[in-house]
C-alpha atoms as a PDB file:
ATOM      1  CA  MET A   1      24.025-152.836   5.629  1.00  0.00           C
ATOM      2  CA  ALA A   2      21.515-151.882   8.252  1.00  0.00           C
ATOM      3  CA  ARG A   3      19.765-148.443   7.552  1.00  0.00           C
ATOM      4  CA  GLU A   4      19.648-145.903  10.769  1.00  0.00           C
ATOM      5  CA  ARG A   5      16.006-144.870  11.593  1.00  0.00           C
ATOM      6  CA  ILE A   6      15.385-141.007  12.108  1.00  0.00           C
ATOM      7  CA  MET A   7      12.141-139.727  13.570  1.00  0.00           C
ATOM      8  CA  VAL A   8      10.796-136.057  13.252  1.00  0.00           C
ATOM      9  CA  THR A   9       8.541-134.282  15.287  1.00  0.00           C
ATOM     10  CA  LEU A  10       5.154-132.711  13.656  1.00  0.00           C
ATOM     11  CA  GLN A  11       2.499-130.251  14.935  1.00  0.00           C
ATOM     12  CA  GLY A  12       0.760-129.533  12.071  1.00  0.00           C
ATOM     13  CA  ASP A  13       1.950-126.181  11.309  1.00  0.00           C
ATOM     14  CA  GLU A  14       4.317-123.663   9.998  1.00  0.00           C
ATOM     15  CA  LYS A  15       6.946-124.994  11.633  1.00  0.00           C
ATOM     16  CA  ASP A  16       6.859-128.481  10.317  1.00  0.00           C
ATOM     17  CA  ARG A  17       8.475-127.662   6.968  1.00  0.00           C
ATOM     18  CA  PRO A  18      11.792-126.293   7.944  1.00  0.00           C
ATOM     19  CA  THR A  19      12.060-128.857  10.507  1.00  0.00           C
ATOM     20  CA  VAL A  20      11.314-131.902   8.168  1.00  0.00           C
ATOM     21  CA  GLU A  21      13.409-130.619   5.428  1.00  0.00           C
ATOM     22  CA  ALA A  22      16.219-130.624   7.855  1.00  0.00           C
ATOM     23  CA  ALA A  23      15.574-134.022   8.784  1.00  0.00           C
ATOM     24  CA  ALA A  24      15.089-135.183   5.363  1.00  0.00           C
ATOM     25  CA  ARG A  25      18.662-133.825   4.126  1.00  0.00           C
ATOM     26  CA  LEU A  26      20.110-135.316   7.586  1.00  0.00           C
ATOM     27  CA  ALA A  27      18.656-139.162   6.638  1.00  0.00           C
ATOM     28  CA  ARG A  28      19.569-138.543   3.301  1.00  0.00           C
ATOM     29  CA  GLY A  29      23.148-137.777   4.387  1.00  0.00           C
ATOM     30  CA  ILE A  30      23.356-140.877   6.559  1.00  0.00           C
ATOM     31  CA  GLY A  31      21.511-143.097   5.137  1.00  0.00           C
ATOM     32  CA  ALA A  32      18.870-143.277   7.330  1.00  0.00           C
ATOM     33  CA  THR A  33      14.827-144.163   7.175  1.00  0.00           C
ATOM     34  CA  LEU A  34      12.846-140.889   8.121  1.00  0.00           C
ATOM     35  CA  ASP A  35       9.356-141.394   9.923  1.00  0.00           C
ATOM     36  CA  GLY A  36       7.299-138.646  10.639  1.00  0.00           C
ATOM     37  CA  LEU A  37       5.471-138.478  14.089  1.00  0.00           C
ATOM     38  CA  PHE A  38       1.985-136.422  14.988  1.00  0.00           C
ATOM     39  CA  VAL A  39       1.419-136.198  18.635  1.00  0.00           C
ATOM     40  CA  GLU A  40      -1.949-135.589  19.263  1.00  0.00           C
ATOM     41  CA  PRO A  41      -3.275-134.254  22.584  1.00  0.00           C
ATOM     42  CA  ASP A  42      -4.612-136.736  24.936  1.00  0.00           C
ATOM     43  CA  ALA A  43      -8.146-135.584  24.977  1.00  0.00           C
ATOM     44  CA  SER A  44      -9.044-137.806  27.743  1.00  0.00           C
ATOM     45  CA  ALA A  45      -6.867-136.078  30.003  1.00  0.00           C
ATOM     46  CA  TYR A  46      -9.572-132.784  29.871  1.00  0.00           C
ATOM     47  CA  LEU A  47     -11.972-134.761  31.643  1.00  0.00           C
ATOM     48  CA  MET A  48     -10.146-135.043  34.823  1.00  0.00           C
ATOM     49  CA  TRP A  49     -11.275-131.116  34.978  1.00  0.00           C
ATOM     50  CA  THR A  50     -15.045-132.277  35.079  1.00  0.00           C
ATOM     51  CA  GLY A  51     -16.922-131.252  38.299  1.00  0.00           C
ATOM     52  CA  PRO A  52     -20.212-133.153  39.369  1.00  0.00           C
ATOM     53  CA  GLY A  53     -23.184-132.600  37.703  1.00  0.00           C
ATOM     54  CA  VAL A  54     -24.522-133.315  34.149  1.00  0.00           C
ATOM     55  CA  ALA A  55     -24.104-129.653  33.017  1.00  0.00           C
ATOM     56  CA  ALA A  56     -20.389-129.829  33.571  1.00  0.00           C
ATOM     57  CA  ALA A  57     -20.060-133.133  31.964  1.00  0.00           C
ATOM     58  CA  THR A  58     -21.561-132.157  28.670  1.00  0.00           C
ATOM     59  CA  VAL A  59     -19.495-128.556  28.841  1.00  0.00           C
ATOM     60  CA  MET A  60     -16.363-130.960  28.877  1.00  0.00           C
ATOM     61  CA  ALA A  61     -17.482-133.021  26.223  1.00  0.00           C
ATOM     62  CA  GLY A  62     -18.182-130.219  23.884  1.00  0.00           C
ATOM     63  CA  ALA A  63     -14.194-129.354  24.584  1.00  0.00           C
ATOM     64  CA  VAL A  64     -13.112-132.452  23.869  1.00  0.00           C
ATOM     65  CA  ASP A  65     -15.010-133.030  20.770  1.00  0.00           C
ATOM     66  CA  SER A  66     -13.581-129.439  19.838  1.00  0.00           C
ATOM     67  CA  ILE A  67      -9.834-130.542  20.610  1.00  0.00           C
ATOM     68  CA  ARG A  68     -10.219-133.782  18.627  1.00  0.00           C
ATOM     69  CA  GLU A  69     -11.327-131.712  15.538  1.00  0.00           C
ATOM     70  CA  GLU A  70      -8.618-129.476  15.672  1.00  0.00           C
ATOM     71  CA  SER A  71      -6.072-132.484  16.205  1.00  0.00           C
ATOM     72  CA  ASP A  72      -7.819-134.041  12.974  1.00  0.00           C
ATOM     73  CA  ARG A  73      -7.247-131.164  11.044  1.00  0.00           C
ATOM     74  CA  CYS A  74      -3.591-130.446  12.155  1.00  0.00           C
ATOM     75  CA  ALA A  75      -2.294-134.252  11.727  1.00  0.00           C
ATOM     76  CA  GLU A  76      -3.732-133.803   8.069  1.00  0.00           C
ATOM     77  CA  THR A  77      -1.791-131.079   7.455  1.00  0.00           C
ATOM     78  CA  ALA A  78       1.255-132.614   9.161  1.00  0.00           C
ATOM     79  CA  LYS A  79       0.767-135.812   7.098  1.00  0.00           C
ATOM     80  CA  GLN A  80       0.698-133.316   4.087  1.00  0.00           C
ATOM     81  CA  THR A  81       3.430-131.240   4.864  1.00  0.00           C
ATOM     82  CA  PHE A  82       5.713-134.682   5.473  1.00  0.00           C
ATOM     83  CA  SER A  83       4.672-136.222   2.347  1.00  0.00           C
ATOM     84  CA  GLY A  84       5.379-133.246   0.102  1.00  0.00           C
ATOM     85  CA  VAL A  85       8.730-132.655   1.392  1.00  0.00           C
ATOM     86  CA  LEU A  86       9.707-136.499   1.036  1.00  0.00           C
ATOM     87  CA  ALA A  87       8.531-136.029  -2.640  1.00  0.00           C
ATOM     88  CA  GLY A  88      11.766-134.265  -2.927  1.00  0.00           C
ATOM     89  CA  PHE A  89      13.756-136.889  -1.841  1.00  0.00           C
ATOM     90  CA  ASP A  90      13.617-140.276  -4.231  1.00  0.00           C
ATOM     91  CA  SER A  91      15.815-141.979  -1.489  1.00  0.00           C
ATOM     92  CA  LEU A  92      13.270-141.318   1.343  1.00  0.00           C
ATOM     93  CA  ALA A  93      10.166-141.359  -0.157  1.00  0.00           C
ATOM     94  CA  ALA A  94       9.460-144.857  -0.689  1.00  0.00           C
ATOM     95  CA  ASP A  95      10.475-146.039   2.913  1.00  0.00           C
ATOM     96  CA  GLY A  96       8.793-142.710   4.579  1.00  0.00           C
ATOM     97  CA  ARG A  97       6.478-143.402   7.317  1.00  0.00           C
ATOM     98  CA  PHE A  98       3.824-141.122   8.775  1.00  0.00           C
ATOM     99  CA  TYR A  99       2.670-141.706  12.318  1.00  0.00           C
ATOM    100  CA  ARG A 100      -0.176-140.444  14.671  1.00  0.00           C
ATOM    101  CA  VAL A 101      -0.200-141.154  18.016  1.00  0.00           C
ATOM    102  CA  SER A 102      -1.892-140.230  21.092  1.00  0.00           C
ATOM    103  CA  GLY A 103      -1.868-140.825  24.969  1.00  0.00           C
ATOM    104  CA  THR A 104       0.127-139.556  27.887  1.00  0.00           C
ATOM    105  CA  VAL A 105       3.544-138.098  27.068  1.00  0.00           C
ATOM    106  CA  SER A 106       5.164-141.407  28.774  1.00  0.00           C
ATOM    107  CA  GLU A 107       2.926-143.715  26.372  1.00  0.00           C
ATOM    108  CA  VAL A 108       3.835-141.969  23.307  1.00  0.00           C
ATOM    109  CA  ALA A 109       7.657-141.530  24.029  1.00  0.00           C
ATOM    110  CA  VAL A 110       8.254-145.061  23.729  1.00  0.00           C
ATOM    111  CA  GLU A 111       7.784-144.578  19.952  1.00  0.00           C
ATOM    112  CA  ALA A 112      11.045-142.832  19.432  1.00  0.00           C
ATOM    113  CA  ARG A 113      12.950-145.995  21.501  1.00  0.00           C
ATOM    114  CA  LEU A 114      14.398-147.317  18.534  1.00  0.00           C
ATOM    115  CA  ALA A 115      15.501-144.251  16.741  1.00  0.00           C
ATOM    116  CA  ARG A 116      18.785-142.873  16.459  1.00  0.00           C
ATOM    117  CA  TYR A 117      17.713-139.464  16.424  1.00  0.00           C
ATOM    118  CA  VAL A 118      14.480-137.315  17.037  1.00  0.00           C
ATOM    119  CA  VAL A 119      14.727-134.397  15.334  1.00  0.00           C
ATOM    120  CA  THR A 120      12.768-131.618  16.604  1.00  0.00           C
ATOM    121  CA  ASP A 121      12.094-127.440  16.318  1.00  0.00           C
ATOM    122  CA  PRO A 122      14.139-125.302  18.678  1.00  0.00           C
ATOM    123  CA  GLN A 123      11.132-123.946  20.249  1.00  0.00           C
ATOM    124  CA  SER A 124       9.795-127.562  21.433  1.00  0.00           C
ATOM    125  CA  MET A 125      13.752-128.376  22.323  1.00  0.00           C
ATOM    126  CA  ALA A 126      13.656-124.922  24.405  1.00  0.00           C
ATOM    127  CA  GLY A 127      10.531-126.247  26.623  1.00  0.00           C
ATOM    128  CA  ASN A 128       7.742-124.511  24.592  1.00  0.00           C
ATOM    129  CA  GLY A 129       4.943-125.342  22.552  1.00  0.00           C
ATOM    130  CA  PRO A 130       2.675-128.567  22.115  1.00  0.00           C
ATOM    131  CA  LEU A 131       5.650-130.957  21.996  1.00  0.00           C
ATOM    132  CA  ALA A 132       7.644-129.950  24.796  1.00  0.00           C
ATOM    133  CA  ASP A 133       6.959-132.589  27.248  1.00  0.00           C
ATOM    134  CA  PHE A 134       7.236-135.044  24.674  1.00  0.00           C
ATOM    135  CA  VAL A 135      10.758-134.043  23.674  1.00  0.00           C
ATOM    136  CA  THR A 136      11.680-133.846  27.417  1.00  0.00           C
ATOM    137  CA  ALA A 137      10.422-137.446  27.488  1.00  0.00           C
ATOM    138  CA  VAL A 138      11.956-138.543  24.400  1.00  0.00           C
ATOM    139  CA  LEU A 139      15.277-137.079  26.175  1.00  0.00           C
ATOM    140  CA  ILE A 140      15.381-137.739  29.448  1.00  0.00           C
ATOM    141  CA  ASP A 141      13.043-140.868  29.782  1.00  0.00           C
ATOM    142  CA  GLU A 142      13.828-142.966  26.815  1.00  0.00           C
ATOM    143  CA  GLN A 143      17.317-141.431  26.566  1.00  0.00           C
ATOM    144  CA  VAL A 144      17.449-140.967  22.757  1.00  0.00           C
ATOM    145  CA  PRO A 145      19.395-138.384  21.437  1.00  0.00           C
ATOM    146  CA  VAL A 146      17.268-135.205  20.210  1.00  0.00           C
ATOM    147  CA  ILE A 147      18.237-132.802  17.551  1.00  0.00           C
ATOM    148  CA  ALA A 148      16.961-128.867  17.238  1.00  0.00           C
ATOM    149  CA  ALA A 149      17.141-128.435  13.909  1.00  0.00           C
ATOM    150  CA  ARG A 150      18.459-124.360  13.310  1.00  0.00           C
ATOM    151  CA  ALA A 151      20.512-122.734  10.792  1.00  0.00           C
ATOM    152  CA  GLY A 152      23.307-125.633  10.854  1.00  0.00           C
ATOM    153  CA  MET A 153      23.562-127.180   7.758  1.00  0.00           C
ATOM    154  CA  MET A 154      22.361-130.806   7.844  1.00  0.00           C
ATOM    155  CA  PRO A 155      24.340-133.294   7.932  1.00  0.00           C
ATOM    156  CA  PRO A 156      26.680-131.126   9.346  1.00  0.00           C
ATOM    157  CA  GLU A 157      29.933-130.512   8.309  1.00  0.00           C
ATOM    158  CA  THR A 158      31.412-128.576  11.215  1.00  0.00           C
ATOM    159  CA  ILE A 159      30.735-130.070  14.564  1.00  0.00           C
ATOM    160  CA  HIS A 160      31.491-128.719  18.246  1.00  0.00           C
ATOM    161  CA  ILE A 161      31.389-131.437  21.258  1.00  0.00           C
ATOM    162  CA  ALA A 162      31.137-129.897  24.434  1.00  0.00           C
ATOM    163  CA  TRP A 163      33.229-131.957  26.672  1.00  0.00           C
ATOM    164  CA  ASP A 164      33.289-132.245  30.486  1.00  0.00           C
ATOM    165  CA  GLY A 165      33.812-136.288  30.702  1.00  0.00           C
ATOM    166  CA  SER A 166      30.168-136.681  32.039  1.00  0.00           C
ATOM    167  CA  LYS A 167      28.138-139.557  31.196  1.00  0.00           C
ATOM    168  CA  GLU A 168      25.604-137.554  29.616  1.00  0.00           C
ATOM    169  CA  ALA A 169      28.372-135.666  27.052  1.00  0.00           C
ATOM    170  CA  ALA A 170      29.741-139.596  26.302  1.00  0.00           C
ATOM    171  CA  ARG A 171      26.345-140.258  25.278  1.00  0.00           C
ATOM    172  CA  ALA A 172      26.170-137.547  23.153  1.00  0.00           C
ATOM    173  CA  ALA A 173      29.319-138.184  21.693  1.00  0.00           C
ATOM    174  CA  VAL A 174      28.761-141.761  20.825  1.00  0.00           C
ATOM    175  CA  GLY A 175      25.423-140.884  19.402  1.00  0.00           C
ATOM    176  CA  ALA A 176      26.649-138.298  16.994  1.00  0.00           C
ATOM    177  CA  ALA A 177      29.215-140.766  15.860  1.00  0.00           C
ATOM    178  CA  PRO A 178      27.682-141.254  12.465  1.00  0.00           C
ATOM    179  CA  LEU A 179      27.709-137.358  11.683  1.00  0.00           C
ATOM    180  CA  ILE A 180      31.113-137.336  13.495  1.00  0.00           C
ATOM    181  CA  ALA A 181      32.412-139.956  10.943  1.00  0.00           C
ATOM    182  CA  ASN A 182      31.599-137.896   7.767  1.00  0.00           C
ATOM    183  CA  ALA A 183      32.506-134.533   9.104  1.00  0.00           C
ATOM    184  CA  LYS A 184      34.931-132.314   7.700  1.00  0.00           C
ATOM    185  CA  ARG A 185      36.114-130.548  10.863  1.00  0.00           C
ATOM    186  CA  VAL A 186      35.310-131.465  14.553  1.00  0.00           C
ATOM    187  CA  MET A 187      36.411-129.502  17.675  1.00  0.00           C
ATOM    188  CA  VAL A 188      36.214-130.577  21.328  1.00  0.00           C
ATOM    189  CA  LEU A 189      35.299-127.795  23.319  1.00  0.00           C
ATOM    190  CA  GLN A 190      36.072-127.789  27.198  1.00  0.00           C
ATOM    191  CA  SER A 191      36.007-125.714  30.411  1.00  0.00           C
ATOM    192  CA  ASP A 192      37.130-127.239  33.905  1.00  0.00           C
ATOM    193  CA  LYS A 193      34.931-124.743  35.767  1.00  0.00           C
ATOM    194  CA  GLY A 194      32.064-126.074  37.365  1.00  0.00           C
ATOM    195  CA  LEU A 195      33.509-129.918  37.060  1.00  0.00           C
ATOM    196  CA  ASP A 196      32.857-132.247  40.081  1.00  0.00           C
ATOM    197  CA  TYR A 197      35.955-133.649  41.512  1.00  0.00           C
ATOM    198  CA  SER A 198      34.860-137.155  40.405  1.00  0.00           C
ATOM    199  CA  ASP A 199      34.777-135.666  36.665  1.00  0.00           C
ATOM    200  CA  ARG A 200      38.341-134.590  36.593  1.00  0.00           C
ATOM    201  CA  ARG A 201      39.974-137.885  35.746  1.00  0.00           C
ATOM    202  CA  SER A 202      37.283-138.353  32.844  1.00  0.00           C
ATOM    203  CA  ALA A 203      37.421-134.655  31.628  1.00  0.00           C
ATOM    204  CA  PRO A 204      40.966-134.057  29.719  1.00  0.00           C
ATOM    205  CA  PRO A 205      39.621-133.449  25.976  1.00  0.00           C
ATOM    206  CA  GLU A 206      42.611-135.797  25.107  1.00  0.00           C
ATOM    207  CA  ARG A 207      40.364-139.142  26.067  1.00  0.00           C
ATOM    208  CA  LEU A 208      37.872-137.568  23.969  1.00  0.00           C
ATOM    209  CA  ILE A 209      40.281-137.082  21.216  1.00  0.00           C
ATOM    210  CA  ASP A 210      41.503-140.345  21.293  1.00  0.00           C
ATOM    211  CA  TRP A 211      38.401-142.077  20.669  1.00  0.00           C
ATOM    212  CA  LEU A 212      37.257-139.362  17.623  1.00  0.00           C
ATOM    213  CA  ALA A 213      40.583-140.715  16.193  1.00  0.00           C
ATOM    214  CA  ASP A 214      39.096-144.380  15.702  1.00  0.00           C
ATOM    215  CA  LEU A 215      36.320-142.941  13.961  1.00  0.00           C
ATOM    216  CA  GLY A 216      39.142-141.418  11.368  1.00  0.00           C
ATOM    217  CA  CYS A 217      38.592-138.215  12.767  1.00  0.00           C
ATOM    218  CA  ARG A 218      41.477-135.496  13.679  1.00  0.00           C
ATOM    219  CA  ALA A 219      39.968-133.374  16.257  1.00  0.00           C
ATOM    220  CA  GLY A 220      40.986-129.845  17.192  1.00  0.00           C
ATOM    221  CA  THR A 221      40.464-128.300  20.896  1.00  0.00           C
ATOM    222  CA  ILE A 222      38.815-124.855  22.116  1.00  0.00           C
ATOM    223  CA  ASP A 223      39.860-123.659  25.391  1.00  0.00           C
ATOM    224  CA  ILE A 224      37.023-122.048  27.109  1.00  0.00           C
ATOM    225  CA  ASP A 225      38.042-121.886  30.706  1.00  0.00           C
ATOM    226  CA  ASP A 226      38.376-117.743  30.983  1.00  0.00           C
ATOM    227  CA  ALA A 227      34.307-117.804  30.257  1.00  0.00           C
ATOM    228  CA  ASP A 228      31.891-116.910  32.890  1.00  0.00           C
ATOM    229  CA  ASN A 229      28.794-118.293  31.712  1.00  0.00           C
ATOM    230  CA  VAL A 230      30.068-121.836  30.110  1.00  0.00           C
ATOM    231  CA  GLY A 231      26.918-122.367  28.363  1.00  0.00           C
ATOM    232  CA  GLU A 232      27.249-118.705  26.219  1.00  0.00           C
ATOM    233  CA  ALA A 233      31.020-119.757  25.912  1.00  0.00           C
ATOM    234  CA  ILE A 234      30.027-122.303  23.816  1.00  0.00           C
ATOM    235  CA  LEU A 235      27.444-120.537  21.795  1.00  0.00           C
ATOM    236  CA  ASP A 236      30.006-118.083  20.875  1.00  0.00           C
ATOM    237  CA  SER A 237      32.943-120.205  20.381  1.00  0.00           C
ATOM    238  CA  SER A 238      30.598-122.306  17.837  1.00  0.00           C
ATOM    239  CA  LYS A 239      29.367-119.654  15.761  1.00  0.00           C
ATOM    240  CA  GLY A 240      29.562-120.645  11.945  1.00  0.00           C
ATOM    241  CA  ALA A 241      29.428-124.152  13.412  1.00  0.00           C
ATOM    242  CA  ASP A 242      26.958-126.616  11.850  1.00  0.00           C
ATOM    243  CA  LEU A 243      26.208-128.798  15.187  1.00  0.00           C
ATOM    244  CA  ILE A 244      26.554-128.634  18.626  1.00  0.00           C
ATOM    245  CA  VAL A 245      27.086-132.028  20.536  1.00  0.00           C
ATOM    246  CA  ALA A 246      26.448-131.472  24.054  1.00  0.00           C
ATOM    247  CA  GLY A 247      25.026-133.868  27.256  1.00  0.00           C
ATOM    248  CA  ALA A 248      21.804-132.665  29.029  1.00  0.00           C
ATOM    249  CA  TYR A 249      20.935-132.245  32.648  1.00  0.00           C
ATOM    250  CA  GLY A 250      24.190-133.298  33.866  1.00  0.00           C
ATOM    251  CA  HIS A 251      22.891-132.279  37.391  1.00  0.00           C
ATOM    252  CA  SER A 252      19.803-132.821  38.702  1.00  0.00           C
ATOM    253  CA  ARG A 253      16.861-131.307  36.578  1.00  0.00           C
ATOM    254  CA  LEU A 254      15.651-129.326  39.622  1.00  0.00           C
ATOM    255  CA  ARG A 255      18.751-127.877  40.196  1.00  0.00           C
ATOM    256  CA  GLU A 256      19.291-127.105  36.501  1.00  0.00           C
ATOM    257  CA  PHE A 257      15.965-125.451  36.762  1.00  0.00           C
ATOM    258  CA  VAL A 258      16.707-123.448  39.676  1.00  0.00           C
ATOM    259  CA  PHE A 259      20.207-122.050  38.899  1.00  0.00           C
ATOM    260  CA  GLY A 260      19.943-122.007  35.017  1.00  0.00           C
ATOM    261  CA  GLY A 261      22.905-123.788  33.576  1.00  0.00           C
ATOM    262  CA  VAL A 262      24.868-124.915  30.726  1.00  0.00           C
ATOM    263  CA  THR A 263      21.966-127.324  29.435  1.00  0.00           C
ATOM    264  CA  ARG A 264      19.156-124.070  29.352  1.00  0.00           C
ATOM    265  CA  SER A 265      21.619-122.041  27.564  1.00  0.00           C
ATOM    266  CA  LEU A 266      21.862-124.337  25.137  1.00  0.00           C
ATOM    267  CA  PHE A 267      18.213-125.111  24.891  1.00  0.00           C
ATOM    268  CA  GLN A 268      17.314-121.703  24.425  1.00  0.00           C
ATOM    269  CA  ALA A 269      19.343-120.302  22.038  1.00  0.00           C
ATOM    270  CA  VAL A 270      16.978-119.632  18.822  1.00  0.00           C
ATOM    271  CA  ASP A 271      19.763-119.052  16.308  1.00  0.00           C
ATOM    272  CA  GLY A 272      23.294-120.337  15.314  1.00  0.00           C
ATOM    273  CA  PRO A 273      24.149-124.211  15.011  1.00  0.00           C
ATOM    274  CA  SER A 274      22.018-127.006  15.492  1.00  0.00           C
ATOM    275  CA  LEU A 275      22.192-128.879  18.609  1.00  0.00           C
ATOM    276  CA  LEU A 276      22.506-132.734  19.295  1.00  0.00           C
ATOM    277  CA  ALA A 277      21.599-133.401  22.754  1.00  0.00           C
ATOM    278  CA  ALA A 278      21.512-136.430  24.782  1.00  0.00           C
ATOM    279  CA  HIS A 279      21.433-137.386  28.428  1.00  0.00           C
END
């Protein structure tokens, strides 16, 4: 049987170990391989700020050299962390691969194109830190499901699926199928608030529940219609769950940025269940 591929992001600091450990437990649980991906800063991008004259060019060249030296140090730290964690997982150590990639965000995001999941830290999912743009590109441009590893058990035993019938929510559910099939408890969370007219035909939770039944999963439902903030209601209703599965950016990203929305609430949560998002 073919094995799935999971990738985990690395940045060469203290955030790496818990993220790699969560990814390793997930990979072992679903029989996947695990690749470590260190995305280094694109030093050449700094040259665009070089002004005219030899002095400016010399200053920028020195800055680029410093960036490369720091990147070398972080890459080695990331590699050691990745190898050290995998050494404790016999089923993963032999096939685990470490990659160091550089380039523009769009260039390095293609590395994740054949992965089932990209596992990252919560801060990167929330849009903070050096990996934020890369994680966004993987999620939005490459449409690879991204998992923010938080406190939830990996692989997850209890899964909550945020369902509104949208194509993003459907892609998230399909992407989570390997996890759903092995979960002990699955609940479908739904609210009619904010649904567009075109969504209402596909929004009833029974549509998703029928699909889940084909995976051998008997799912329950949680109605969150009374909530004023759907994102907060999903988080509140998912206390004790291991994983929330949700579509991301159902509306335009500009509208999400200006008006907030479910996506931002779920992405910016620091504690609680891990999050699997798909676009």
